[in-house]
């Protein structure tokens, strides 16, 4: 665990007289300075990224890949793996998220009455606004993720041209690399262009397992399925 003088602990010690987060640039500089000190002391691994980089898809996919079904399952949509990873959270245990920037933690549990609790506090509702507030407020007051979000992987924020190009790229990859294209239902009928239907739903070729099993992967949530 991080030492008691980490950024998150120092932020908490300052009190909560103001909930307004500093500008992302200043917060990022503060995090980088503290990380440098901790690395020199041998407390942090310098090879582990600890920066707020909302434009870095590799960082986002690394965080998203940390979510395991047996750890983070059947959560509110606004607190899904996608939503959490976009706000800088990684899944580090059962019902537990952690921010590698500020060391903040978010624990999401449901009681016997069906009420969700975020880090011990009841979630007022499962609305988008309430979930978004939880993802922001569980970061330390100085964490740049409070005011940052990954938007590159959100299809709702892509132009029609970008969406069409993505579908065509995935369709071409499926036709080129899959030896056995699965049949896909389109309502009560079989889709005439299975590759187009799969590509439109976000599926792309993901190679093969060592024993030759072909795989599909969702380009958005990274879920992988056998063909």
C-alpha atoms as a PDB file:
ATOM      1  CA  UNK A   1       0.000   0.000   0.000  1.00  0.00           C
ATOM      2  CA  UNK A   2       1.147   3.586  -0.549  1.00  0.00           C
ATOM      3  CA  UNK A   3       2.728   5.372   2.433  1.00  0.00           C
ATOM      4  CA  UNK A   4       0.615   7.728   4.566  1.00  0.00           C
ATOM      5  CA  UNK A   5       2.192  10.769   2.949  1.00  0.00           C
ATOM      6  CA  UNK A   6       0.958  10.039  -0.586  1.00  0.00           C
ATOM      7  CA  UNK A   7      -0.909  12.662  -2.576  1.00  0.00           C
ATOM      8  CA  UNK A   8      -4.293  11.217  -1.642  1.00  0.00           C
ATOM      9  CA  UNK A   9      -3.497  11.325   2.068  1.00  0.00           C
ATOM     10  CA  UNK A  10      -2.109  14.841   1.885  1.00  0.00           C
ATOM     11  CA  UNK A  11      -5.192  16.014   0.007  1.00  0.00           C
ATOM     12  CA  UNK A  12      -7.458  14.517   2.646  1.00  0.00           C
ATOM     13  CA  UNK A  13      -5.443  16.185   5.406  1.00  0.00           C
ATOM     14  CA  UNK A  14      -6.153  19.560   3.838  1.00  0.00           C
ATOM     15  CA  UNK A  15      -9.849  19.224   4.633  1.00  0.00           C
ATOM     16  CA  UNK A  16     -12.847  19.754   2.399  1.00  0.00           C
ATOM     17  CA  UNK A  17     -13.393  23.481   2.582  1.00  0.00           C
ATOM     18  CA  UNK A  18     -13.618  23.550  -1.196  1.00  0.00           C
ATOM     19  CA  UNK A  19     -14.727  20.751  -3.468  1.00  0.00           C
ATOM     20  CA  UNK A  20     -13.557  22.485  -6.601  1.00  0.00           C
ATOM     21  CA  UNK A  21     -10.670  20.642  -8.243  1.00  0.00           C
ATOM     22  CA  UNK A  22      -7.652  22.631  -9.445  1.00  0.00           C
ATOM     23  CA  UNK A  23      -7.023  23.040 -13.129  1.00  0.00           C
ATOM     24  CA  UNK A  24      -5.955  19.778 -14.775  1.00  0.00           C
ATOM     25  CA  UNK A  25      -2.558  21.159 -15.813  1.00  0.00           C
ATOM     26  CA  UNK A  26      -1.602  22.241 -12.288  1.00  0.00           C
ATOM     27  CA  UNK A  27      -2.909  18.989 -10.796  1.00  0.00           C
ATOM     28  CA  UNK A  28      -0.966  16.904 -13.305  1.00  0.00           C
ATOM     29  CA  UNK A  29       2.232  18.791 -12.421  1.00  0.00           C
ATOM     30  CA  UNK A  30       1.635  18.121  -8.720  1.00  0.00           C
ATOM     31  CA  UNK A  31       1.079  14.407  -9.335  1.00  0.00           C
ATOM     32  CA  UNK A  32       4.200  14.131 -11.498  1.00  0.00           C
ATOM     33  CA  UNK A  33       6.326  15.914  -8.857  1.00  0.00           C
ATOM     34  CA  UNK A  34       5.132  13.623  -6.084  1.00  0.00           C
ATOM     35  CA  UNK A  35       5.570  10.533  -8.261  1.00  0.00           C
ATOM     36  CA  UNK A  36       9.155  11.583  -8.976  1.00  0.00           C
ATOM     37  CA  UNK A  37       9.883  11.865  -5.248  1.00  0.00           C
ATOM     38  CA  UNK A  38       8.292   8.490  -4.512  1.00  0.00           C
ATOM     39  CA  UNK A  39      10.255   6.826  -7.314  1.00  0.00           C
ATOM     40  CA  UNK A  40      13.544   8.218  -5.967  1.00  0.00           C
ATOM     41  CA  UNK A  41      12.642   6.779  -2.564  1.00  0.00           C
ATOM     42  CA  UNK A  42      12.036   3.407  -4.201  1.00  0.00           C
ATOM     43  CA  UNK A  43       8.365   3.367  -3.205  1.00  0.00           C
ATOM     44  CA  UNK A  44       6.912   3.524  -6.719  1.00  0.00           C
ATOM     45  CA  UNK A  45       7.889   1.511  -9.763  1.00  0.00           C
ATOM     46  CA  UNK A  46       9.025   3.984 -12.413  1.00  0.00           C
ATOM     47  CA  UNK A  47       7.859   1.606 -15.153  1.00  0.00           C
ATOM     48  CA  UNK A  48       4.194   1.899 -14.082  1.00  0.00           C
ATOM     49  CA  UNK A  49       2.427   4.828 -15.784  1.00  0.00           C
ATOM     50  CA  UNK A  50       0.969   7.211 -13.212  1.00  0.00           C
ATOM     51  CA  UNK A  51      -0.039  10.103 -15.423  1.00  0.00           C
ATOM     52  CA  UNK A  52      -3.453  11.388 -16.399  1.00  0.00           C
ATOM     53  CA  UNK A  53      -3.439  10.840 -20.159  1.00  0.00           C
ATOM     54  CA  UNK A  54      -7.043  10.879 -21.440  1.00  0.00           C
ATOM     55  CA  UNK A  55      -5.793  10.911 -25.044  1.00  0.00           C
ATOM     56  CA  UNK A  56      -3.770   7.703 -24.594  1.00  0.00           C
ATOM     57  CA  UNK A  57      -5.797   4.679 -25.710  1.00  0.00           C
ATOM     58  CA  UNK A  58      -3.101   2.270 -24.537  1.00  0.00           C
ATOM     59  CA  UNK A  59      -3.470   3.579 -20.991  1.00  0.00           C
ATOM     60  CA  UNK A  60      -7.257   3.315 -21.272  1.00  0.00           C
ATOM     61  CA  UNK A  61      -7.162  -0.249 -22.598  1.00  0.00           C
ATOM     62  CA  UNK A  62      -4.746  -1.259 -19.841  1.00  0.00           C
ATOM     63  CA  UNK A  63      -7.151   0.028 -17.203  1.00  0.00           C
ATOM     64  CA  UNK A  64     -10.152  -1.514 -18.942  1.00  0.00           C
ATOM     65  CA  UNK A  65      -8.404  -4.894 -19.137  1.00  0.00           C
ATOM     66  CA  UNK A  66      -8.013  -4.895 -15.353  1.00  0.00           C
ATOM     67  CA  UNK A  67     -11.767  -5.363 -14.873  1.00  0.00           C
ATOM     68  CA  UNK A  68     -12.617  -8.989 -14.138  1.00  0.00           C
ATOM     69  CA  UNK A  69     -16.162 -10.479 -14.195  1.00  0.00           C
ATOM     70  CA  UNK A  70     -15.711 -12.020 -10.750  1.00  0.00           C
ATOM     71  CA  UNK A  71     -14.615  -8.650  -9.345  1.00  0.00           C
ATOM     72  CA  UNK A  72     -16.855  -6.147 -11.148  1.00  0.00           C
ATOM     73  CA  UNK A  73     -20.177  -7.645 -12.247  1.00  0.00           C
ATOM     74  CA  UNK A  74     -23.790  -6.447 -12.538  1.00  0.00           C
ATOM     75  CA  UNK A  75     -22.981  -2.851 -11.614  1.00  0.00           C
ATOM     76  CA  UNK A  76     -25.071   0.212 -12.580  1.00  0.00           C
ATOM     77  CA  UNK A  77     -24.480   1.271 -16.180  1.00  0.00           C
ATOM     78  CA  UNK A  78     -23.076   4.614 -15.038  1.00  0.00           C
ATOM     79  CA  UNK A  79     -20.455   2.743 -12.986  1.00  0.00           C
ATOM     80  CA  UNK A  80     -19.635   0.088 -15.561  1.00  0.00           C
ATOM     81  CA  UNK A  81     -16.102  -0.949 -16.423  1.00  0.00           C
ATOM     82  CA  UNK A  82     -16.156   1.349 -19.452  1.00  0.00           C
ATOM     83  CA  UNK A  83     -17.400   4.353 -17.496  1.00  0.00           C
ATOM     84  CA  UNK A  84     -14.912   3.816 -14.673  1.00  0.00           C
ATOM     85  CA  UNK A  85     -11.882   3.220 -16.904  1.00  0.00           C
ATOM     86  CA  UNK A  86     -12.687   6.397 -18.821  1.00  0.00           C
ATOM     87  CA  UNK A  87     -12.360   8.334 -15.553  1.00  0.00           C
ATOM     88  CA  UNK A  88      -8.973   6.857 -14.595  1.00  0.00           C
ATOM     89  CA  UNK A  89     -10.079   3.869 -12.482  1.00  0.00           C
ATOM     90  CA  UNK A  90      -8.611   0.350 -12.498  1.00  0.00           C
ATOM     91  CA  UNK A  91     -10.182  -2.764 -10.958  1.00  0.00           C
ATOM     92  CA  UNK A  92      -7.868  -4.061  -8.220  1.00  0.00           C
ATOM     93  CA  UNK A  93     -10.160  -6.371  -6.234  1.00  0.00           C
ATOM     94  CA  UNK A  94     -13.728  -7.481  -5.593  1.00  0.00           C
ATOM     95  CA  UNK A  95     -15.973  -4.396  -5.800  1.00  0.00           C
ATOM     96  CA  UNK A  96     -12.863  -2.219  -5.513  1.00  0.00           C
ATOM     97  CA  UNK A  97     -11.382   0.382  -7.864  1.00  0.00           C
ATOM     98  CA  UNK A  98      -8.154   2.306  -7.513  1.00  0.00           C
ATOM     99  CA  UNK A  99      -6.591   5.333  -9.200  1.00  0.00           C
ATOM    100  CA  UNK A 100      -2.887   4.923  -9.936  1.00  0.00           C
ATOM    101  CA  UNK A 101      -2.515   8.711 -10.107  1.00  0.00           C
ATOM    102  CA  UNK A 102      -3.832   9.772  -6.680  1.00  0.00           C
ATOM    103  CA  UNK A 103      -4.169   6.353  -4.976  1.00  0.00           C
ATOM    104  CA  UNK A 104      -7.840   7.090  -4.389  1.00  0.00           C
ATOM    105  CA  UNK A 105     -10.186   4.131  -3.928  1.00  0.00           C
ATOM    106  CA  UNK A 106     -13.821   3.508  -4.822  1.00  0.00           C
ATOM    107  CA  UNK A 107     -15.673   0.568  -3.307  1.00  0.00           C
ATOM    108  CA  UNK A 108     -19.095  -0.252  -4.742  1.00  0.00           C
ATOM    109  CA  UNK A 109     -21.326  -2.664  -2.827  1.00  0.00           C
ATOM    110  CA  UNK A 110     -25.029  -3.443  -2.673  1.00  0.00           C
ATOM    111  CA  UNK A 111     -26.836  -4.115   0.609  1.00  0.00           C
ATOM    112  CA  UNK A 112     -29.663  -6.559   1.288  1.00  0.00           C
ATOM    113  CA  UNK A 113     -32.245  -3.855   0.497  1.00  0.00           C
ATOM    114  CA  UNK A 114     -30.803  -3.346  -2.988  1.00  0.00           C
ATOM    115  CA  UNK A 115     -29.234   0.032  -2.199  1.00  0.00           C
ATOM    116  CA  UNK A 116     -25.847   0.716  -3.755  1.00  0.00           C
ATOM    117  CA  UNK A 117     -23.127   2.153  -1.529  1.00  0.00           C
ATOM    118  CA  UNK A 118     -20.085   3.993  -2.884  1.00  0.00           C
ATOM    119  CA  UNK A 119     -17.212   3.894  -0.400  1.00  0.00           C
ATOM    120  CA  UNK A 120     -19.715   3.497   2.423  1.00  0.00           C
ATOM    121  CA  UNK A 121     -22.078   6.268   1.306  1.00  0.00           C
ATOM    122  CA  UNK A 122     -25.508   5.416  -0.177  1.00  0.00           C
ATOM    123  CA  UNK A 123     -25.801   6.215  -3.878  1.00  0.00           C
ATOM    124  CA  UNK A 124     -28.718   8.633  -4.192  1.00  0.00           C
ATOM    125  CA  UNK A 125     -29.759   7.101  -7.500  1.00  0.00           C
ATOM    126  CA  UNK A 126     -28.322   5.187 -10.438  1.00  0.00           C
ATOM    127  CA  UNK A 127     -28.760   8.178 -12.724  1.00  0.00           C
ATOM    128  CA  UNK A 128     -25.947   9.196 -15.039  1.00  0.00           C
ATOM    129  CA  UNK A 129     -25.343  12.361 -13.003  1.00  0.00           C
ATOM    130  CA  UNK A 130     -25.100  10.526  -9.664  1.00  0.00           C
ATOM    131  CA  UNK A 131     -22.747   7.878 -11.037  1.00  0.00           C
ATOM    132  CA  UNK A 132     -20.586  10.484 -12.716  1.00  0.00           C
ATOM    133  CA  UNK A 133     -20.313  12.421  -9.452  1.00  0.00           C
ATOM    134  CA  UNK A 134     -19.178   9.266  -7.637  1.00  0.00           C
ATOM    135  CA  UNK A 135     -16.486   8.565 -10.222  1.00  0.00           C
ATOM    136  CA  UNK A 136     -15.212  12.133  -9.837  1.00  0.00           C
ATOM    137  CA  UNK A 137     -15.468  12.628  -6.085  1.00  0.00           C
ATOM    138  CA  UNK A 138     -13.683   9.437  -5.060  1.00  0.00           C
ATOM    139  CA  UNK A 139     -10.498  10.819  -6.621  1.00  0.00           C
ATOM    140  CA  UNK A 140      -8.444  13.044  -4.347  1.00  0.00           C
ATOM    141  CA  UNK A 141      -9.166  16.788  -4.654  1.00  0.00           C
ATOM    142  CA  UNK A 142      -5.840  17.240  -6.453  1.00  0.00           C
ATOM    143  CA  UNK A 143      -6.265  14.404  -8.960  1.00  0.00           C
ATOM    144  CA  UNK A 144      -6.463  15.542 -12.612  1.00  0.00           C
ATOM    145  CA  UNK A 145      -8.919  12.707 -13.351  1.00  0.00           C
ATOM    146  CA  UNK A 146     -11.602  14.682 -11.534  1.00  0.00           C
ATOM    147  CA  UNK A 147     -11.815  16.961 -14.557  1.00  0.00           C
ATOM    148  CA  UNK A 148     -10.626  14.586 -17.298  1.00  0.00           C
ATOM    149  CA  UNK A 149     -12.254  11.786 -19.279  1.00  0.00           C
ATOM    150  CA  UNK A 150     -11.286   9.463 -22.118  1.00  0.00           C
ATOM    151  CA  UNK A 151     -13.513  10.244 -25.103  1.00  0.00           C
ATOM    152  CA  UNK A 152     -11.593   8.612 -27.960  1.00  0.00           C
ATOM    153  CA  UNK A 153     -13.330   5.249 -27.510  1.00  0.00           C
ATOM    154  CA  UNK A 154     -16.859   6.648 -27.200  1.00  0.00           C
ATOM    155  CA  UNK A 155     -18.779   6.036 -30.458  1.00  0.00           C
ATOM    156  CA  UNK A 156     -21.347   8.669 -29.455  1.00  0.00           C
ATOM    157  CA  UNK A 157     -18.639  11.305 -29.814  1.00  0.00           C
ATOM    158  CA  UNK A 158     -17.388  10.134 -33.214  1.00  0.00           C
ATOM    159  CA  UNK A 159     -18.484  11.650 -36.503  1.00  0.00           C
ATOM    160  CA  UNK A 160     -20.492   9.655 -39.040  1.00  0.00           C
ATOM    161  CA  UNK A 161     -17.399   9.455 -41.228  1.00  0.00           C
ATOM    162  CA  UNK A 162     -15.285   8.037 -38.390  1.00  0.00           C
ATOM    163  CA  UNK A 163     -17.950   5.488 -37.491  1.00  0.00           C
ATOM    164  CA  UNK A 164     -18.308   4.373 -41.123  1.00  0.00           C
ATOM    165  CA  UNK A 165     -14.536   4.059 -41.530  1.00  0.00           C
ATOM    166  CA  UNK A 166     -14.317   1.975 -38.366  1.00  0.00           C
ATOM    167  CA  UNK A 167     -17.068  -0.387 -39.520  1.00  0.00           C
ATOM    168  CA  UNK A 168     -15.463  -0.870 -42.918  1.00  0.00           C
ATOM    169  CA  UNK A 169     -12.034  -1.489 -41.375  1.00  0.00           C
ATOM    170  CA  UNK A 170     -13.415  -4.154 -39.035  1.00  0.00           C
ATOM    171  CA  UNK A 171     -15.495  -5.748 -41.822  1.00  0.00           C
ATOM    172  CA  UNK A 172     -12.458  -5.994 -44.101  1.00  0.00           C
ATOM    173  CA  UNK A 173     -10.430  -7.558 -41.297  1.00  0.00           C
ATOM    174  CA  UNK A 174     -13.113 -10.166 -40.608  1.00  0.00           C
ATOM    175  CA  UNK A 175     -13.417 -11.132 -44.275  1.00  0.00           C
ATOM    176  CA  UNK A 176      -9.652 -11.292 -44.728  1.00  0.00           C
ATOM    177  CA  UNK A 177      -8.615 -13.179 -41.588  1.00  0.00           C
ATOM    178  CA  UNK A 178     -11.513 -15.348 -40.424  1.00  0.00           C
ATOM    179  CA  UNK A 179     -11.537 -18.845 -41.915  1.00  0.00           C
ATOM    180  CA  UNK A 180     -15.033 -19.528 -40.631  1.00  0.00           C
ATOM    181  CA  UNK A 181     -17.418 -16.584 -40.599  1.00  0.00           C
ATOM    182  CA  UNK A 182     -20.245 -17.267 -38.118  1.00  0.00           C
ATOM    183  CA  UNK A 183     -23.896 -17.048 -39.117  1.00  0.00           C
ATOM    184  CA  UNK A 184     -25.573 -14.003 -37.566  1.00  0.00           C
ATOM    185  CA  UNK A 185     -29.303 -13.605 -36.998  1.00  0.00           C
ATOM    186  CA  UNK A 186     -30.966 -10.402 -38.172  1.00  0.00           C
ATOM    187  CA  UNK A 187     -34.334 -10.603 -36.485  1.00  0.00           C
ATOM    188  CA  UNK A 188     -36.021 -13.810 -37.657  1.00  0.00           C
ATOM    189  CA  UNK A 189     -33.706 -14.130 -40.650  1.00  0.00           C
ATOM    190  CA  UNK A 190     -30.051 -14.785 -41.199  1.00  0.00           C
ATOM    191  CA  UNK A 191     -28.046 -11.660 -41.990  1.00  0.00           C
ATOM    192  CA  UNK A 192     -26.980 -11.558 -45.630  1.00  0.00           C
ATOM    193  CA  UNK A 193     -23.668  -9.903 -44.765  1.00  0.00           C
ATOM    194  CA  UNK A 194     -22.529 -11.434 -41.477  1.00  0.00           C
ATOM    195  CA  UNK A 195     -19.216  -9.546 -41.517  1.00  0.00           C
ATOM    196  CA  UNK A 196     -20.997  -6.202 -41.873  1.00  0.00           C
ATOM    197  CA  UNK A 197     -23.431  -7.039 -39.067  1.00  0.00           C
ATOM    198  CA  UNK A 198     -20.610  -8.040 -36.727  1.00  0.00           C
ATOM    199  CA  UNK A 199     -18.482  -5.024 -37.652  1.00  0.00           C
ATOM    200  CA  UNK A 200     -21.430  -2.665 -37.123  1.00  0.00           C
ATOM    201  CA  UNK A 201     -21.798  -4.071 -33.597  1.00  0.00           C
ATOM    202  CA  UNK A 202     -18.122  -3.349 -32.853  1.00  0.00           C
ATOM    203  CA  UNK A 203     -16.641  -6.835 -33.360  1.00  0.00           C
ATOM    204  CA  UNK A 204     -13.241  -7.251 -34.965  1.00  0.00           C
ATOM    205  CA  UNK A 205     -10.859 -10.123 -35.646  1.00  0.00           C
ATOM    206  CA  UNK A 206      -8.681 -10.948 -32.637  1.00  0.00           C
ATOM    207  CA  UNK A 207      -6.467 -13.681 -34.037  1.00  0.00           C
ATOM    208  CA  UNK A 208      -6.344 -17.259 -32.804  1.00  0.00           C
ATOM    209  CA  UNK A 209      -5.582 -19.208 -29.639  1.00  0.00           C
ATOM    210  CA  UNK A 210      -2.527 -21.527 -29.667  1.00  0.00           C
ATOM    211  CA  UNK A 211      -4.798 -24.427 -30.597  1.00  0.00           C
ATOM    212  CA  UNK A 212      -6.246 -22.589 -33.588  1.00  0.00           C
ATOM    213  CA  UNK A 213      -9.530 -21.320 -32.112  1.00  0.00           C
ATOM    214  CA  UNK A 214     -10.526 -18.104 -33.920  1.00  0.00           C
ATOM    215  CA  UNK A 215     -11.467 -15.134 -31.767  1.00  0.00           C
ATOM    216  CA  UNK A 216     -13.538 -11.964 -32.024  1.00  0.00           C
ATOM    217  CA  UNK A 217     -12.967  -8.891 -29.836  1.00  0.00           C
ATOM    218  CA  UNK A 218     -15.197  -5.894 -29.211  1.00  0.00           C
ATOM    219  CA  UNK A 219     -13.331  -2.766 -30.238  1.00  0.00           C
ATOM    220  CA  UNK A 220     -15.015  -0.778 -27.447  1.00  0.00           C
ATOM    221  CA  UNK A 221     -15.143  -2.950 -24.311  1.00  0.00           C
ATOM    222  CA  UNK A 222     -12.415  -5.471 -25.339  1.00  0.00           C
ATOM    223  CA  UNK A 223     -14.619  -8.496 -24.604  1.00  0.00           C
ATOM    224  CA  UNK A 224     -13.313 -11.533 -26.483  1.00  0.00           C
ATOM    225  CA  UNK A 225     -15.391 -14.420 -27.839  1.00  0.00           C
ATOM    226  CA  UNK A 226     -14.552 -17.667 -29.600  1.00  0.00           C
ATOM    227  CA  UNK A 227     -16.008 -18.128 -33.082  1.00  0.00           C
END
